[in-house]
Amino acid sequence: MTLAPQIQPDTGAADTRPTTSYARRKELHERRIRERRLRPKFISINEACEYLNCSRSHFYDELYSKVKKRKLGKRTVIELDSVDELADSLPEAG
């Protein structure tokens, strides 16, 4: 048994809606927001650990003394440029 293709009736008006799905439009919107976001000068210690993909204890034991720190009120913040420099100076694996 063969099914006949369904023909859509012509309404006479051109369909001007975008053909992308809602999920795709949402993904594009979120990407535009991320791209417009400014790069921060300082990040928190937790953000530095996430950025370097290391634990907080490893960060304090091995890396804390190698990054530039500033006090922002009572908080200690890390200069993101110094974290980048530290990451670039790590030896290659293998």
C-alpha atoms as a PDB file:
ATOM      1  CA  MET A   1       0.000   0.000   0.000  1.00  0.00           C
ATOM      2  CA  THR A   2       1.445   3.343  -1.036  1.00  0.00           C
ATOM      3  CA  LEU A   3       0.539   6.549   0.723  1.00  0.00           C
ATOM      4  CA  ALA A   4      -0.119   9.558  -1.437  1.00  0.00           C
ATOM      5  CA  PRO A   5       1.829  12.683  -0.494  1.00  0.00           C
ATOM      6  CA  GLN A   6      -0.206  15.264   1.349  1.00  0.00           C
ATOM      7  CA  ILE A   7      -0.625  18.562  -0.438  1.00  0.00           C
ATOM      8  CA  GLN A   8      -0.902  21.689   1.623  1.00  0.00           C
ATOM      9  CA  PRO A   9      -3.524  24.173   0.476  1.00  0.00           C
ATOM     10  CA  ASP A  10      -2.196  27.470  -0.875  1.00  0.00           C
ATOM     11  CA  THR A  11      -3.373  30.295   1.353  1.00  0.00           C
ATOM     12  CA  GLY A  12      -2.081  32.968  -0.998  1.00  0.00           C
ATOM     13  CA  ALA A  13       0.090  34.594   1.687  1.00  0.00           C
ATOM     14  CA  ALA A  14       3.803  33.929   1.811  1.00  0.00           C
ATOM     15  CA  ASP A  15       4.957  32.324   5.048  1.00  0.00           C
ATOM     16  CA  THR A  16       7.612  34.664   6.466  1.00  0.00           C
ATOM     17  CA  ARG A  17       8.211  32.777   9.683  1.00  0.00           C
ATOM     18  CA  PRO A  18      11.746  31.469  10.248  1.00  0.00           C
ATOM     19  CA  THR A  19      12.172  27.793   9.531  1.00  0.00           C
ATOM     20  CA  THR A  20      14.384  27.132  12.554  1.00  0.00           C
ATOM     21  CA  SER A  21      13.017  25.442  15.610  1.00  0.00           C
ATOM     22  CA  TYR A  22      12.508  27.161  18.934  1.00  0.00           C
ATOM     23  CA  ALA A  23      15.419  25.245  20.481  1.00  0.00           C
ATOM     24  CA  ARG A  24      17.754  26.338  17.661  1.00  0.00           C
ATOM     25  CA  ARG A  25      16.690  29.995  17.954  1.00  0.00           C
ATOM     26  CA  LYS A  26      17.205  29.851  21.719  1.00  0.00           C
ATOM     27  CA  GLU A  27      20.671  28.324  21.239  1.00  0.00           C
ATOM     28  CA  LEU A  28      21.635  31.073  18.773  1.00  0.00           C
ATOM     29  CA  HIS A  29      20.352  33.753  21.156  1.00  0.00           C
ATOM     30  CA  GLU A  30      22.360  32.340  24.075  1.00  0.00           C
ATOM     31  CA  ARG A  31      25.490  32.143  21.909  1.00  0.00           C
ATOM     32  CA  ARG A  32      25.097  35.814  20.924  1.00  0.00           C
ATOM     33  CA  ILE A  33      24.795  36.767  24.593  1.00  0.00           C
ATOM     34  CA  ARG A  34      27.968  34.803  25.464  1.00  0.00           C
ATOM     35  CA  GLU A  35      29.886  36.420  22.594  1.00  0.00           C
ATOM     36  CA  ARG A  36      28.850  39.911  23.657  1.00  0.00           C
ATOM     37  CA  ARG A  37      29.849  39.337  27.258  1.00  0.00           C
ATOM     38  CA  LEU A  38      32.971  41.187  28.336  1.00  0.00           C
ATOM     39  CA  ARG A  39      35.959  39.233  29.546  1.00  0.00           C
ATOM     40  CA  PRO A  40      36.343  39.867  33.280  1.00  0.00           C
ATOM     41  CA  LYS A  41      39.581  41.269  34.691  1.00  0.00           C
ATOM     42  CA  PHE A  42      39.199  39.356  37.974  1.00  0.00           C
ATOM     43  CA  ILE A  43      37.614  36.026  38.844  1.00  0.00           C
ATOM     44  CA  SER A  44      36.886  34.307  42.121  1.00  0.00           C
ATOM     45  CA  ILE A  45      38.972  31.431  43.406  1.00  0.00           C
ATOM     46  CA  ASN A  46      36.158  28.994  42.624  1.00  0.00           C
ATOM     47  CA  GLU A  47      35.970  30.327  39.066  1.00  0.00           C
ATOM     48  CA  ALA A  48      39.749  29.963  38.719  1.00  0.00           C
ATOM     49  CA  CYS A  49      39.494  26.332  39.821  1.00  0.00           C
ATOM     50  CA  GLU A  50      36.706  25.718  37.314  1.00  0.00           C
ATOM     51  CA  TYR A  51      38.658  27.533  34.579  1.00  0.00           C
ATOM     52  CA  LEU A  52      41.746  25.383  35.207  1.00  0.00           C
ATOM     53  CA  ASN A  53      39.686  22.252  35.806  1.00  0.00           C
ATOM     54  CA  CYS A  54      41.360  21.534  39.131  1.00  0.00           C
ATOM     55  CA  SER A  55      40.197  21.066  42.687  1.00  0.00           C
ATOM     56  CA  ARG A  56      40.236  23.868  45.212  1.00  0.00           C
ATOM     57  CA  SER A  57      42.796  22.055  47.378  1.00  0.00           C
ATOM     58  CA  HIS A  58      45.120  21.523  44.396  1.00  0.00           C
ATOM     59  CA  PHE A  59      44.743  25.185  43.489  1.00  0.00           C
ATOM     60  CA  TYR A  60      45.740  26.298  46.995  1.00  0.00           C
ATOM     61  CA  ASP A  61      48.579  23.760  47.310  1.00  0.00           C
ATOM     62  CA  GLU A  62      50.208  24.161  43.905  1.00  0.00           C
ATOM     63  CA  LEU A  63      48.914  27.191  42.026  1.00  0.00           C
ATOM     64  CA  TYR A  64      47.818  29.877  44.496  1.00  0.00           C
ATOM     65  CA  SER A  65      51.317  31.294  44.910  1.00  0.00           C
ATOM     66  CA  LYS A  66      51.795  31.488  41.119  1.00  0.00           C
ATOM     67  CA  VAL A  67      48.844  33.759  40.284  1.00  0.00           C
ATOM     68  CA  LYS A  68      48.334  37.470  40.926  1.00  0.00           C
ATOM     69  CA  LYS A  69      45.796  38.188  43.624  1.00  0.00           C
ATOM     70  CA  ARG A  70      43.953  41.335  44.721  1.00  0.00           C
ATOM     71  CA  LYS A  71      41.709  42.145  47.646  1.00  0.00           C
ATOM     72  CA  LEU A  72      38.224  43.347  46.793  1.00  0.00           C
ATOM     73  CA  GLY A  73      36.822  44.248  50.176  1.00  0.00           C
ATOM     74  CA  LYS A  74      37.207  41.038  52.160  1.00  0.00           C
ATOM     75  CA  ARG A  75      37.308  38.843  49.065  1.00  0.00           C
ATOM     76  CA  THR A  76      40.458  37.696  47.346  1.00  0.00           C
ATOM     77  CA  VAL A  77      40.111  37.747  43.576  1.00  0.00           C
ATOM     78  CA  ILE A  78      42.475  36.383  40.955  1.00  0.00           C
ATOM     79  CA  GLU A  79      43.646  38.247  37.846  1.00  0.00           C
ATOM     80  CA  LEU A  80      42.403  36.246  34.888  1.00  0.00           C
ATOM     81  CA  ASP A  81      45.442  37.181  32.783  1.00  0.00           C
ATOM     82  CA  SER A  82      47.733  35.592  35.376  1.00  0.00           C
ATOM     83  CA  VAL A  83      45.642  32.404  35.270  1.00  0.00           C
ATOM     84  CA  ASP A  84      46.036  32.341  31.474  1.00  0.00           C
ATOM     85  CA  GLU A  85      49.801  32.821  31.807  1.00  0.00           C
ATOM     86  CA  LEU A  86      49.963  30.019  34.361  1.00  0.00           C
ATOM     87  CA  ALA A  87      47.968  27.679  32.110  1.00  0.00           C
ATOM     88  CA  ASP A  88      50.222  28.488  29.149  1.00  0.00           C
ATOM     89  CA  SER A  89      53.352  27.764  31.206  1.00  0.00           C
ATOM     90  CA  LEU A  90      52.252  24.257  32.233  1.00  0.00           C
ATOM     91  CA  PRO A  91      54.270  21.473  30.601  1.00  0.00           C
ATOM     92  CA  GLU A  92      52.768  19.410  27.819  1.00  0.00           C
ATOM     93  CA  ALA A  93      51.702  15.877  28.634  1.00  0.00           C
ATOM     94  CA  GLY A  94      53.365  12.890  27.093  1.00  0.00           C
END
